Structure formats: C-alpha cells, structure tokens
Amino acid sequence: MKMTGAMETSFKLALKKPPSLRTAEDLHTIYCHLYHMDVLSHLREHQLRSMCTSARYERHEANHILFL
C-alpha cells in the first residue's frame, strides 16, 4: 500500500499524539497503516490493535541503528 500525502500526514499526526489523547479515529488510522505493513502481517488483530495504543513516531538520521 502506497501512502498518499494526506494519508501519511494523518498517520504521522496520530502517532505524534500522546497515547492518552488519541481518539478512536486516530487508533483506526494507525491500525489501518500497520495492518498493511508486511513486517507486521503475522500478528493477530488484537496484537496489532494493542500496538496502536503505544506506537509512536520517531525520526532518525540515515544509517542510525534502531535495534540489534
């Protein structure tokens, strides 16, 4: 799934909100985007929905190691 500018913007805005301030629409937006990521395709729906409540947006410089 390719994100359009508006979709990418709403996704980022939802992820930037503190989890306690996210609306049902924010959680739905996050869920829809995570659902279409190949790396998360093995997760069950409840696992993915749980992830939506704590996922956040971070930006890092190129070649930054996120995990080992």
Protein backbone atom coordinates (compact mmCIF):
# COMPACT_ATOMS: atom_id res chain seq x y z
CA MET A 1 0.00 0.00 0.00
CA LYS A 2 1.39 3.35 -1.02
CA MET A 3 0.57 6.25 1.26
CA THR A 4 -0.68 9.47 -0.25
CA GLY A 5 0.35 12.78 1.26
CA ALA A 6 -2.90 13.14 3.22
CA MET A 7 -2.75 9.55 4.48
CA GLU A 8 0.86 9.91 5.54
CA THR A 9 0.08 13.18 7.31
CA SER A 10 -2.87 11.76 9.27
CA PHE A 11 -0.81 8.69 10.19
CA LYS A 12 2.09 10.79 11.48
CA LEU A 13 -0.19 13.16 13.37
CA ALA A 14 -1.92 10.23 15.08
CA LEU A 15 1.43 8.70 16.05
CA LYS A 16 2.73 12.01 17.40
CA LYS A 17 -0.19 12.39 19.82
CA PRO A 18 0.34 11.12 23.35
CA PRO A 19 -1.42 7.74 23.61
CA SER A 20 -3.80 9.05 26.27
CA LEU A 21 -5.07 11.75 23.88
CA ARG A 22 -5.67 9.53 20.84
CA THR A 23 -9.21 9.34 19.54
CA ALA A 24 -10.91 6.25 18.13
CA GLU A 25 -10.25 7.75 14.68
CA ASP A 26 -6.52 8.12 15.47
CA LEU A 27 -6.35 4.47 16.57
CA HIS A 28 -8.19 3.37 13.43
CA THR A 29 -5.77 5.35 11.23
CA ILE A 30 -2.76 3.79 12.95
CA TYR A 31 -4.29 0.31 12.76
CA CYS A 32 -5.03 0.59 9.05
CA HIS A 33 -1.47 1.56 8.26
CA LEU A 34 0.17 -1.04 10.49
CA TYR A 35 -2.16 -3.74 9.10
CA HIS A 36 -0.72 -3.25 5.61
CA MET A 37 2.94 -3.47 6.68
CA ASP A 38 4.49 -6.75 5.58
CA VAL A 39 6.69 -6.93 8.66
CA LEU A 40 3.60 -6.98 10.91
CA SER A 41 1.45 -9.31 8.77
CA HIS A 42 1.99 -12.27 11.11
CA LEU A 43 0.34 -10.51 14.08
CA ARG A 44 -3.23 -11.21 15.14
CA GLU A 45 -5.77 -8.40 15.17
CA HIS A 46 -5.77 -7.93 18.96
CA GLN A 47 -1.96 -7.77 18.99
CA LEU A 48 -1.94 -5.13 16.29
CA ARG A 49 -4.70 -3.10 17.99
CA SER A 50 -2.74 -3.23 21.24
CA MET A 51 0.34 -1.98 19.41
CA CYS A 52 -1.68 1.02 18.15
CA THR A 53 -2.12 2.30 21.69
CA SER A 54 1.62 2.65 22.29
CA ALA A 55 3.17 3.14 18.84
CA ARG A 56 4.87 6.48 18.33
CA TYR A 57 6.57 8.46 15.57
CA GLU A 58 10.31 8.99 15.71
CA ARG A 59 12.65 10.41 13.12
CA HIS A 60 16.31 9.40 12.95
CA GLU A 61 19.25 10.30 10.77
CA ALA A 62 20.18 7.99 7.91
CA ASN A 63 22.14 4.86 8.92
CA HIS A 64 21.08 5.19 12.56
CA ILE A 65 20.85 1.74 14.16
CA LEU A 66 17.46 1.32 15.82
CA PHE A 67 17.99 -2.17 17.24
CA LEU A 68 20.42 -5.06 17.06
